[in-house]
Amino acid sequence: MNIIGRNIRLLRQKNGWSQGEAAKRLQISIPAFSKIETGITDINISRLDQIAKLFNVSTIEIMVNEGEITSLTNFAEIGQLREKLTDREDEVIKLQKRVIDLYEELRLK
C-alpha cells in the first residue's frame, strides 16, 4: 500500500465509512476504490481532487506521510497569506486607478 492509499483508507475509516460507502459517494465501483486504497491503481489528479473534496482535506494532505502533516500547517498559512496579499494588491491597483481618474478629472476642470 502506498502513502496515498493509506491516507485515503485512514480518512475513510475516520469517517466510519465502508469502502462501498466511499465508492458510492465517488460514483465509482467498490473494486475501483479498493484498488486506489491498496495502491494497485495509480490515481490521477482529478480523482485525487475529488477524494480530497469528499473528505474535506487538501490534496497535499492525502499525498504526504502523517509526520509531515505538521508542516502542512505552515504550508496552509502561507497559502492563506498569499491570498490576502493578492487581495491587498488588487485593492491597491483599484485605488491607484481611482487616484488617476480623480487626477484626470481635476486636470480637465
C-alpha atoms as a PDB file:
ATOM      1  CA  MET A   1       0.000   0.000   0.000  1.00  0.00           C
ATOM      2  CA  ASN A   2       1.338   3.427  -0.906  1.00  0.00           C
ATOM      3  CA  ILE A   3       1.114   6.634   1.127  1.00  0.00           C
ATOM      4  CA  ILE A   4      -1.848   7.980  -0.830  1.00  0.00           C
ATOM      5  CA  GLY A   5      -3.808   4.756  -0.480  1.00  0.00           C
ATOM      6  CA  ARG A   6      -3.026   4.516   3.211  1.00  0.00           C
ATOM      7  CA  ASN A   7      -4.117   8.105   3.824  1.00  0.00           C
ATOM      8  CA  ILE A   8      -7.347   7.583   1.884  1.00  0.00           C
ATOM      9  CA  ARG A   9      -8.057   4.456   3.924  1.00  0.00           C
ATOM     10  CA  LEU A  10      -7.415   6.353   7.169  1.00  0.00           C
ATOM     11  CA  LEU A  11      -9.717   9.189   6.091  1.00  0.00           C
ATOM     12  CA  ARG A  12     -12.427   6.713   5.124  1.00  0.00           C
ATOM     13  CA  GLN A  13     -12.127   4.916   8.451  1.00  0.00           C
ATOM     14  CA  LYS A  14     -12.111   8.224  10.321  1.00  0.00           C
ATOM     15  CA  ASN A  15     -15.488   8.968   8.735  1.00  0.00           C
ATOM     16  CA  GLY A  16     -16.738   5.491   9.628  1.00  0.00           C
ATOM     17  CA  TRP A  17     -17.431   4.589   6.015  1.00  0.00           C
ATOM     18  CA  SER A  18     -17.051   1.233   4.344  1.00  0.00           C
ATOM     19  CA  GLN A  19     -15.285   1.020   1.009  1.00  0.00           C
ATOM     20  CA  GLY A  20     -18.720   0.642  -0.552  1.00  0.00           C
ATOM     21  CA  GLU A  21     -19.977   3.882   1.000  1.00  0.00           C
ATOM     22  CA  ALA A  22     -16.902   5.807  -0.111  1.00  0.00           C
ATOM     23  CA  ALA A  23     -17.086   4.310  -3.605  1.00  0.00           C
ATOM     24  CA  LYS A  24     -20.763   5.239  -3.882  1.00  0.00           C
ATOM     25  CA  ARG A  25     -20.039   8.836  -2.859  1.00  0.00           C
ATOM     26  CA  LEU A  26     -17.304   8.987  -5.506  1.00  0.00           C
ATOM     27  CA  GLN A  27     -19.562   7.285  -8.051  1.00  0.00           C
ATOM     28  CA  ILE A  28     -17.061   4.521  -8.739  1.00  0.00           C
ATOM     29  CA  SER A  29     -17.167   0.772  -8.215  1.00  0.00           C
ATOM     30  CA  ILE A  30     -16.082  -0.811  -4.955  1.00  0.00           C
ATOM     31  CA  PRO A  31     -13.247  -2.727  -6.687  1.00  0.00           C
ATOM     32  CA  ALA A  32     -12.012   0.529  -8.255  1.00  0.00           C
ATOM     33  CA  PHE A  33     -11.980   2.220  -4.856  1.00  0.00           C
ATOM     34  CA  SER A  34     -10.276  -0.785  -3.279  1.00  0.00           C
ATOM     35  CA  LYS A  35      -7.544  -0.645  -5.918  1.00  0.00           C
ATOM     36  CA  ILE A  36      -6.987   3.040  -5.135  1.00  0.00           C
ATOM     37  CA  GLU A  37      -6.641   2.297  -1.413  1.00  0.00           C
ATOM     38  CA  THR A  38      -4.286  -0.632  -1.952  1.00  0.00           C
ATOM     39  CA  GLY A  39      -2.166   1.251  -4.480  1.00  0.00           C
ATOM     40  CA  ILE A  40      -2.870  -1.194  -7.294  1.00  0.00           C
ATOM     41  CA  THR A  41      -4.305   1.630  -9.377  1.00  0.00           C
ATOM     42  CA  ASP A  42      -2.433   4.889  -9.831  1.00  0.00           C
ATOM     43  CA  ILE A  43      -4.696   7.806  -9.032  1.00  0.00           C
ATOM     44  CA  ASN A  44      -4.986  10.761 -11.394  1.00  0.00           C
ATOM     45  CA  ILE A  45      -5.145  14.383 -10.277  1.00  0.00           C
ATOM     46  CA  SER A  46      -8.859  14.836 -10.917  1.00  0.00           C
ATOM     47  CA  ARG A  47      -9.715  11.724  -8.888  1.00  0.00           C
ATOM     48  CA  LEU A  48      -7.354  12.833  -6.119  1.00  0.00           C
ATOM     49  CA  ASP A  49      -9.077  16.220  -6.059  1.00  0.00           C
ATOM     50  CA  GLN A  50     -12.489  14.533  -5.940  1.00  0.00           C
ATOM     51  CA  ILE A  51     -11.386  12.368  -2.997  1.00  0.00           C
ATOM     52  CA  ALA A  52      -9.896  15.369  -1.176  1.00  0.00           C
ATOM     53  CA  LYS A  53     -13.183  17.239  -1.522  1.00  0.00           C
ATOM     54  CA  LEU A  54     -15.123  14.212  -0.312  1.00  0.00           C
ATOM     55  CA  PHE A  55     -13.051  14.047   2.874  1.00  0.00           C
ATOM     56  CA  ASN A  56     -12.746  17.845   3.173  1.00  0.00           C
ATOM     57  CA  VAL A  57      -8.939  17.855   3.116  1.00  0.00           C
ATOM     58  CA  SER A  58      -6.326  19.229   0.735  1.00  0.00           C
ATOM     59  CA  THR A  59      -4.815  17.033  -1.940  1.00  0.00           C
ATOM     60  CA  ILE A  60      -1.445  17.589  -0.292  1.00  0.00           C
ATOM     61  CA  GLU A  61      -2.711  16.102   2.962  1.00  0.00           C
ATOM     62  CA  ILE A  62      -3.561  12.929   1.072  1.00  0.00           C
ATOM     63  CA  MET A  63      -0.123  12.754  -0.543  1.00  0.00           C
ATOM     64  CA  VAL A  64       2.160  13.198   2.483  1.00  0.00           C
ATOM     65  CA  ASN A  65       3.276  10.992   5.352  1.00  0.00           C
ATOM     66  CA  GLU A  66       1.484  11.507   8.641  1.00  0.00           C
ATOM     67  CA  GLY A  67       4.566  13.058  10.256  1.00  0.00           C
ATOM     68  CA  GLU A  68       4.760  15.642   7.505  1.00  0.00           C
ATOM     69  CA  ILE A  69       1.264  16.975   8.171  1.00  0.00           C
ATOM     70  CA  THR A  70       2.595  19.311  10.859  1.00  0.00           C
ATOM     71  CA  SER A  71       4.496  21.213   8.214  1.00  0.00           C
ATOM     72  CA  LEU A  72       1.262  21.493   6.234  1.00  0.00           C
ATOM     73  CA  THR A  73       0.008  23.971   8.809  1.00  0.00           C
ATOM     74  CA  ASN A  74       2.783  26.296   7.702  1.00  0.00           C
ATOM     75  CA  PHE A  75       2.005  25.470   4.084  1.00  0.00           C
ATOM     76  CA  ALA A  76      -1.678  26.312   4.627  1.00  0.00           C
ATOM     77  CA  GLU A  77      -0.772  29.532   6.417  1.00  0.00           C
ATOM     78  CA  ILE A  78       1.492  30.542   3.541  1.00  0.00           C
ATOM     79  CA  GLY A  79      -1.348  29.879   1.105  1.00  0.00           C
ATOM     80  CA  GLN A  80      -3.739  31.999   3.148  1.00  0.00           C
ATOM     81  CA  LEU A  81      -1.201  34.808   3.400  1.00  0.00           C
ATOM     82  CA  ARG A  82      -0.648  34.693  -0.362  1.00  0.00           C
ATOM     83  CA  GLU A  83      -4.393  35.029  -0.895  1.00  0.00           C
ATOM     84  CA  LYS A  84      -4.533  38.014   1.470  1.00  0.00           C
ATOM     85  CA  LEU A  85      -1.559  39.593  -0.272  1.00  0.00           C
ATOM     86  CA  THR A  86      -3.202  39.138  -3.665  1.00  0.00           C
ATOM     87  CA  ASP A  87      -6.405  40.716  -2.344  1.00  0.00           C
ATOM     88  CA  ARG A  88      -4.450  43.673  -0.964  1.00  0.00           C
ATOM     89  CA  GLU A  89      -2.568  44.094  -4.235  1.00  0.00           C
ATOM     90  CA  ASP A  90      -5.903  44.171  -6.080  1.00  0.00           C
ATOM     91  CA  GLU A  91      -7.161  46.839  -3.669  1.00  0.00           C
ATOM     92  CA  VAL A  92      -4.026  48.928  -4.224  1.00  0.00           C
ATOM     93  CA  ILE A  93      -4.422  48.672  -8.008  1.00  0.00           C
ATOM     94  CA  LYS A  94      -8.059  49.783  -7.776  1.00  0.00           C
ATOM     95  CA  LEU A  95      -7.090  52.709  -5.554  1.00  0.00           C
ATOM     96  CA  GLN A  96      -4.291  53.701  -7.930  1.00  0.00           C
ATOM     97  CA  LYS A  97      -6.755  53.685 -10.823  1.00  0.00           C
ATOM     98  CA  ARG A  98      -9.168  55.783  -8.797  1.00  0.00           C
ATOM     99  CA  VAL A  99      -6.418  58.309  -7.975  1.00  0.00           C
ATOM    100  CA  ILE A 100      -5.506  58.554 -11.655  1.00  0.00           C
ATOM    101  CA  ASP A 101      -9.173  59.053 -12.594  1.00  0.00           C
ATOM    102  CA  LEU A 102      -9.568  61.801  -9.981  1.00  0.00           C
ATOM    103  CA  TYR A 103      -6.364  63.474 -11.146  1.00  0.00           C
ATOM    104  CA  GLU A 104      -7.639  63.457 -14.732  1.00  0.00           C
ATOM    105  CA  GLU A 105     -10.953  64.960 -13.613  1.00  0.00           C
ATOM    106  CA  LEU A 106      -9.127  67.767 -11.781  1.00  0.00           C
ATOM    107  CA  ARG A 107      -6.833  68.406 -14.710  1.00  0.00           C
ATOM    108  CA  LEU A 108      -9.742  68.785 -17.118  1.00  0.00           C
ATOM    109  CA  LYS A 109     -11.514  71.369 -14.938  1.00  0.00           C
END
